[in-house]
Amino acid sequence: MRPKTLVVTRPSDSRSLWIRRWMMMLACGLLGVNIVMGDRVPLHSHKLHLEAGSEHRRLEREIDQLRRENRRMRSEARRLREDPAAIEAVARRELGLIRPGEVVFLVTDDPPTQRLRTR
């Protein structure tokens, strides 16, 4: 009787096959994630996070400034509704109005002009 032949595969062949299959599955998985997620997962997210934080702080400062401006404007509007002296002050300052009988002197920083006498 003839002895039976036993085929033995080398361990390195099965291991390299396993590694190749694993790498192929990993590549397909990464490709699938990239297809599904697309641009929603940026690679530079840390930089974007820092930029968003600085933009957030800038916007908070701007909001605080606008709130102060709104409070000031509300106060001025209330004064203009309730105080006739405030209305008069705005009319004098912005419209140049004067009361009857008042005399207006305009003071400027310009030096007086030299007048030439002609004879």
N, C-alpha and C. Protein backbone atom coordinates (compact mmCIF):
# COMPACT_ATOMS: atom_id res chain seq x y z
N MET A 1 0.81 -1.17 0.00
CA MET A 1 0.00 0.00 0.00
C MET A 1 0.86 1.24 0.00
N ARG A 2 0.29 2.08 -0.72
CA ARG A 2 1.01 3.32 -0.88
C ARG A 2 0.66 4.27 0.26
N PRO A 3 1.64 4.96 0.82
CA PRO A 3 1.29 5.86 1.93
C PRO A 3 0.51 7.07 1.41
N LYS A 4 -0.36 7.56 2.25
CA LYS A 4 -1.16 8.74 1.89
C LYS A 4 -0.28 9.98 1.95
N THR A 5 -0.52 10.89 1.03
CA THR A 5 0.24 12.14 1.01
C THR A 5 -0.53 13.19 1.81
N LEU A 6 0.20 13.82 2.58
CA LEU A 6 -0.38 14.86 3.42
C LEU A 6 0.14 16.20 2.93
N VAL A 7 -0.79 17.07 2.59
CA VAL A 7 -0.39 18.40 2.11
C VAL A 7 -0.42 19.34 3.31
N VAL A 8 0.72 19.89 3.53
CA VAL A 8 0.84 20.81 4.67
C VAL A 8 1.11 22.21 4.09
N THR A 9 0.28 23.15 4.48
CA THR A 9 0.51 24.53 4.03
C THR A 9 1.46 25.19 5.01
N ARG A 10 2.23 26.02 4.48
CA ARG A 10 3.18 26.70 5.35
C ARG A 10 2.44 27.75 6.17
N PRO A 11 2.80 27.91 7.41
CA PRO A 11 2.10 28.88 8.26
C PRO A 11 2.22 30.31 7.72
N SER A 12 3.32 30.61 7.08
CA SER A 12 3.49 31.97 6.59
C SER A 12 2.50 32.29 5.49
N ASP A 13 2.12 31.28 4.68
CA ASP A 13 1.16 31.53 3.62
C ASP A 13 -0.22 31.86 4.18
N SER A 14 -0.66 31.12 5.17
CA SER A 14 -1.98 31.39 5.74
C SER A 14 -1.97 32.71 6.52
N ARG A 15 -0.86 33.01 7.12
CA ARG A 15 -0.77 34.27 7.86
C ARG A 15 -0.77 35.46 6.92
N SER A 16 -0.03 35.38 5.83
CA SER A 16 -0.01 36.49 4.88
C SER A 16 -1.38 36.65 4.22
N LEU A 17 -2.07 35.53 3.97
CA LEU A 17 -3.42 35.60 3.43
C LEU A 17 -4.35 36.29 4.43
N TRP A 18 -4.23 35.97 5.69
CA TRP A 18 -5.05 36.59 6.72
C TRP A 18 -4.77 38.09 6.81
N ILE A 19 -3.49 38.47 6.74
CA ILE A 19 -3.12 39.89 6.80
C ILE A 19 -3.66 40.64 5.59
N ARG A 20 -3.55 40.03 4.42
CA ARG A 20 -4.08 40.68 3.21
C ARG A 20 -5.59 40.86 3.30
N ARG A 21 -6.30 39.87 3.79
CA ARG A 21 -7.75 39.99 3.95
C ARG A 21 -8.10 41.07 4.97
N TRP A 22 -7.38 41.10 6.06
CA TRP A 22 -7.62 42.11 7.10
C TRP A 22 -7.38 43.51 6.56
N MET A 23 -6.28 43.72 5.81
CA MET A 23 -5.97 45.03 5.23
C MET A 23 -7.04 45.43 4.21
N MET A 24 -7.53 44.47 3.43
CA MET A 24 -8.57 44.76 2.45
C MET A 24 -9.86 45.16 3.15
N MET A 25 -10.22 44.46 4.23
CA MET A 25 -11.43 44.82 4.97
C MET A 25 -11.27 46.19 5.61
N LEU A 26 -10.09 46.50 6.13
CA LEU A 26 -9.85 47.81 6.73
C LEU A 26 -9.96 48.91 5.68
N ALA A 27 -9.38 48.70 4.51
CA ALA A 27 -9.45 49.70 3.45
C ALA A 27 -10.89 49.90 3.00
N CYS A 28 -11.64 48.80 2.86
CA CYS A 28 -13.05 48.93 2.47
C CYS A 28 -13.86 49.64 3.55
N GLY A 29 -13.56 49.36 4.79
CA GLY A 29 -14.26 50.04 5.89
C GLY A 29 -13.99 51.53 5.90
N LEU A 30 -12.72 51.91 5.73
CA LEU A 30 -12.38 53.33 5.69
C LEU A 30 -13.02 54.02 4.49
N LEU A 31 -13.03 53.34 3.36
CA LEU A 31 -13.67 53.90 2.18
C LEU A 31 -15.17 54.07 2.42
N GLY A 32 -15.79 53.09 3.07
CA GLY A 32 -17.21 53.20 3.38
C GLY A 32 -17.51 54.35 4.32
N VAL A 33 -16.69 54.51 5.35
CA VAL A 33 -16.87 55.63 6.29
C VAL A 33 -16.72 56.95 5.55
N ASN A 34 -15.74 57.05 4.68
CA ASN A 34 -15.52 58.28 3.92
C ASN A 34 -16.71 58.57 3.01
N ILE A 35 -17.27 57.54 2.40
CA ILE A 35 -18.43 57.75 1.53
C ILE A 35 -19.63 58.22 2.34
N VAL A 36 -19.86 57.60 3.50
CA VAL A 36 -21.02 57.94 4.32
C VAL A 36 -20.85 59.31 4.97
N MET A 37 -19.70 59.56 5.57
CA MET A 37 -19.50 60.80 6.33
C MET A 37 -19.12 61.97 5.43
N GLY A 38 -18.33 61.74 4.42
CA GLY A 38 -17.95 62.79 3.50
C GLY A 38 -17.19 63.91 4.18
N ASP A 39 -17.65 65.14 3.95
CA ASP A 39 -16.97 66.32 4.49
C ASP A 39 -17.38 66.64 5.92
N ARG A 40 -18.25 65.83 6.50
CA ARG A 40 -18.72 66.13 7.85
C ARG A 40 -17.68 65.85 8.91
N VAL A 41 -16.65 65.13 8.60
CA VAL A 41 -15.59 64.84 9.57
C VAL A 41 -14.29 65.41 9.02
N PRO A 42 -14.04 66.68 9.28
CA PRO A 42 -12.81 67.28 8.75
C PRO A 42 -11.58 66.74 9.47
N LEU A 43 -10.51 66.68 8.75
CA LEU A 43 -9.27 66.18 9.34
C LEU A 43 -8.62 67.24 10.22
N HIS A 44 -8.94 68.49 10.02
CA HIS A 44 -8.34 69.58 10.80
C HIS A 44 -9.34 70.13 11.81
N SER A 45 -10.05 69.25 12.49
CA SER A 45 -11.12 69.69 13.39
C SER A 45 -10.59 70.47 14.58
N HIS A 46 -9.37 70.20 15.03
CA HIS A 46 -8.81 70.93 16.18
C HIS A 46 -8.64 72.40 15.82
N LYS A 47 -8.13 72.67 14.63
CA LYS A 47 -7.96 74.06 14.19
C LYS A 47 -9.31 74.75 14.06
N LEU A 48 -10.29 74.04 13.51
CA LEU A 48 -11.63 74.62 13.40
C LEU A 48 -12.23 74.89 14.77
N HIS A 49 -11.97 74.01 15.72
CA HIS A 49 -12.47 74.20 17.08
C HIS A 49 -11.88 75.47 17.70
N LEU A 50 -10.58 75.68 17.52
CA LEU A 50 -9.94 76.88 18.06
C LEU A 50 -10.48 78.13 17.39
N GLU A 51 -10.64 78.08 16.06
CA GLU A 51 -11.19 79.24 15.35
C GLU A 51 -12.62 79.53 15.79
N ALA A 52 -13.41 78.49 15.99
CA ALA A 52 -14.79 78.68 16.44
C ALA A 52 -14.81 79.30 17.83
N GLY A 53 -13.88 78.88 18.70
CA GLY A 53 -13.82 79.45 20.05
C GLY A 53 -13.49 80.93 20.02
N SER A 54 -12.53 81.32 19.19
CA SER A 54 -12.18 82.75 19.12
C SER A 54 -13.32 83.54 18.49
N GLU A 55 -13.99 82.99 17.50
CA GLU A 55 -15.14 83.67 16.89
C GLU A 55 -16.27 83.81 17.92
N HIS A 56 -16.46 82.80 18.74
CA HIS A 56 -17.49 82.84 19.78
C HIS A 56 -17.18 83.95 20.78
N ARG A 57 -15.92 84.06 21.21
CA ARG A 57 -15.55 85.11 22.17
C ARG A 57 -15.73 86.50 21.53
N ARG A 58 -15.38 86.65 20.25
CA ARG A 58 -15.54 87.94 19.57
C ARG A 58 -17.02 88.31 19.50
N LEU A 59 -17.86 87.34 19.17
CA LEU A 59 -19.29 87.61 19.09
C LEU A 59 -19.89 87.93 20.45
N GLU A 60 -19.41 87.28 21.52
CA GLU A 60 -19.89 87.61 22.86
C GLU A 60 -19.53 89.04 23.23
N ARG A 61 -18.30 89.48 22.89
CA ARG A 61 -17.92 90.87 23.16
C ARG A 61 -18.80 91.84 22.37
N GLU A 62 -19.08 91.50 21.11
CA GLU A 62 -19.92 92.36 20.29
C GLU A 62 -21.34 92.42 20.84
N ILE A 63 -21.85 91.29 21.30
CA ILE A 63 -23.20 91.27 21.89
C ILE A 63 -23.24 92.13 23.15
N ASP A 64 -22.22 92.04 24.01
CA ASP A 64 -22.16 92.86 25.21
C ASP A 64 -22.14 94.34 24.85
N GLN A 65 -21.36 94.70 23.85
CA GLN A 65 -21.30 96.10 23.42
C GLN A 65 -22.65 96.56 22.89
N LEU A 66 -23.33 95.73 22.11
CA LEU A 66 -24.64 96.10 21.57
C LEU A 66 -25.69 96.21 22.69
N ARG A 67 -25.58 95.36 23.70
CA ARG A 67 -26.51 95.47 24.84
C ARG A 67 -26.31 96.78 25.58
N ARG A 68 -25.04 97.18 25.79
CA ARG A 68 -24.78 98.48 26.44
C ARG A 68 -25.33 99.62 25.60
N GLU A 69 -25.12 99.54 24.28
CA GLU A 69 -25.64 100.57 23.38
C GLU A 69 -27.16 100.63 23.44
N ASN A 70 -27.83 99.47 23.49
CA ASN A 70 -29.29 99.44 23.58
C ASN A 70 -29.78 100.06 24.88
N ARG A 71 -29.09 99.75 26.01
CA ARG A 71 -29.49 100.36 27.29
C ARG A 71 -29.36 101.88 27.22
N ARG A 72 -28.25 102.36 26.64
CA ARG A 72 -28.04 103.80 26.52
C ARG A 72 -29.13 104.44 25.67
N MET A 73 -29.45 103.80 24.55
CA MET A 73 -30.47 104.36 23.65
C MET A 73 -31.86 104.32 24.28
N ARG A 74 -32.18 103.25 25.04
CA ARG A 74 -33.47 103.20 25.74
C ARG A 74 -33.58 104.33 26.76
N SER A 75 -32.48 104.54 27.48
CA SER A 75 -32.46 105.61 28.48
C SER A 75 -32.66 106.97 27.81
N GLU A 76 -31.97 107.19 26.71
CA GLU A 76 -32.12 108.46 25.99
C GLU A 76 -33.53 108.63 25.44
N ALA A 77 -34.13 107.57 24.91
CA ALA A 77 -35.50 107.64 24.40
C ALA A 77 -36.48 107.96 25.52
N ARG A 78 -36.26 107.34 26.69
CA ARG A 78 -37.14 107.62 27.84
C ARG A 78 -37.02 109.08 28.25
N ARG A 79 -35.78 109.59 28.31
CA ARG A 79 -35.58 111.01 28.66
C ARG A 79 -36.26 111.93 27.65
N LEU A 80 -36.16 111.58 26.35
CA LEU A 80 -36.78 112.43 25.33
C LEU A 80 -38.30 112.39 25.42
N ARG A 81 -38.88 111.28 25.85
CA ARG A 81 -40.33 111.19 26.01
C ARG A 81 -40.81 111.96 27.24
N GLU A 82 -40.00 111.98 28.31
CA GLU A 82 -40.47 112.49 29.59
C GLU A 82 -39.90 113.85 29.97
N ASP A 83 -38.77 114.26 29.44
CA ASP A 83 -38.10 115.47 29.91
C ASP A 83 -38.02 116.51 28.79
N PRO A 84 -38.77 117.61 28.91
CA PRO A 84 -38.73 118.66 27.89
C PRO A 84 -37.34 119.30 27.75
N ALA A 85 -36.58 119.34 28.84
CA ALA A 85 -35.24 119.91 28.77
C ALA A 85 -34.32 119.07 27.88
N ALA A 86 -34.53 117.76 27.89
CA ALA A 86 -33.74 116.89 27.02
C ALA A 86 -34.06 117.14 25.56
N ILE A 87 -35.35 117.35 25.26
CA ILE A 87 -35.75 117.65 23.88
C ILE A 87 -35.13 118.96 23.44
N GLU A 88 -35.16 119.96 24.32
CA GLU A 88 -34.57 121.25 23.99
C GLU A 88 -33.07 121.13 23.75
N ALA A 89 -32.38 120.34 24.57
CA ALA A 89 -30.94 120.17 24.41
C ALA A 89 -30.61 119.53 23.07
N VAL A 90 -31.40 118.55 22.66
CA VAL A 90 -31.15 117.90 21.36
C VAL A 90 -31.44 118.87 20.23
N ALA A 91 -32.51 119.64 20.36
CA ALA A 91 -32.85 120.61 19.31
C ALA A 91 -31.76 121.67 19.18
N ARG A 92 -31.20 122.12 20.28
CA ARG A 92 -30.12 123.11 20.23
C ARG A 92 -28.85 122.51 19.63
N ARG A 93 -28.51 121.32 20.07
CA ARG A 93 -27.26 120.69 19.65
C ARG A 93 -27.31 120.25 18.19
N GLU A 94 -28.37 119.54 17.79
CA GLU A 94 -28.39 118.94 16.47
C GLU A 94 -29.02 119.83 15.40
N LEU A 95 -29.96 120.69 15.78
CA LEU A 95 -30.63 121.51 14.79
C LEU A 95 -30.17 122.97 14.83
N GLY A 96 -29.41 123.33 15.86
CA GLY A 96 -28.91 124.69 15.96
C GLY A 96 -29.99 125.70 16.31
N LEU A 97 -31.04 125.27 16.96
CA LEU A 97 -32.14 126.17 17.32
C LEU A 97 -31.77 127.02 18.53
N ILE A 98 -32.33 128.24 18.59
CA ILE A 98 -32.12 129.13 19.73
C ILE A 98 -33.46 129.67 20.18
N ARG A 99 -33.48 130.15 21.42
CA ARG A 99 -34.69 130.77 21.94
C ARG A 99 -34.80 132.20 21.43
N PRO A 100 -36.02 132.70 21.37
CA PRO A 100 -36.16 134.10 20.97
C PRO A 100 -35.43 135.01 21.95
N GLY A 101 -34.69 135.98 21.41
CA GLY A 101 -33.96 136.92 22.24
C GLY A 101 -32.54 136.50 22.54
N GLU A 102 -32.15 135.27 22.26
CA GLU A 102 -30.78 134.84 22.51
C GLU A 102 -29.88 135.30 21.38
N VAL A 103 -28.64 135.53 21.73
CA VAL A 103 -27.64 135.93 20.74
C VAL A 103 -26.61 134.81 20.66
N VAL A 104 -26.26 134.42 19.44
CA VAL A 104 -25.32 133.33 19.24
C VAL A 104 -23.98 133.91 18.84
N PHE A 105 -22.94 133.49 19.53
CA PHE A 105 -21.57 133.86 19.18
C PHE A 105 -20.87 132.61 18.67
N LEU A 106 -20.31 132.69 17.49
CA LEU A 106 -19.57 131.57 16.93
C LEU A 106 -18.10 131.82 17.19
N VAL A 107 -17.48 130.92 17.93
CA VAL A 107 -16.07 131.03 18.25
C VAL A 107 -15.34 129.97 17.45
N THR A 108 -14.34 130.43 16.71
CA THR A 108 -13.56 129.48 15.90
C THR A 108 -12.10 129.56 16.29
N ASP A 109 -11.34 128.57 15.90
CA ASP A 109 -9.91 128.54 16.17
C ASP A 109 -9.10 129.19 15.05
N ASP A 110 -9.76 129.62 13.98
CA ASP A 110 -9.04 130.21 12.85
C ASP A 110 -8.49 131.58 13.24
N PRO A 111 -7.25 131.88 12.85
CA PRO A 111 -6.70 133.22 13.16
C PRO A 111 -7.43 134.28 12.33
N PRO A 112 -7.48 135.49 12.84
CA PRO A 112 -8.17 136.54 12.09
C PRO A 112 -7.42 136.81 10.77
N THR A 113 -8.18 137.14 9.77
CA THR A 113 -7.56 137.40 8.47
C THR A 113 -7.02 138.81 8.44
N GLN A 114 -5.93 138.99 7.76
CA GLN A 114 -5.32 140.33 7.60
C GLN A 114 -6.02 141.04 6.46
N ARG A 115 -6.50 142.24 6.75
CA ARG A 115 -7.14 143.03 5.70
C ARG A 115 -6.13 144.01 5.14
N LEU A 116 -6.08 144.03 3.86
CA LEU A 116 -5.17 144.97 3.19
C LEU A 116 -5.90 146.28 2.94
N ARG A 117 -5.23 147.35 3.28
CA ARG A 117 -5.82 148.67 3.02
C ARG A 117 -5.39 149.15 1.64
N THR A 118 -6.33 149.53 0.94
CA THR A 118 -6.00 150.08 -0.37
C THR A 118 -6.29 151.56 -0.36
N ARG A 119 -5.36 152.37 -0.89
CA ARG A 119 -5.57 153.81 -0.92
C ARG A 119 -5.57 154.30 -2.30
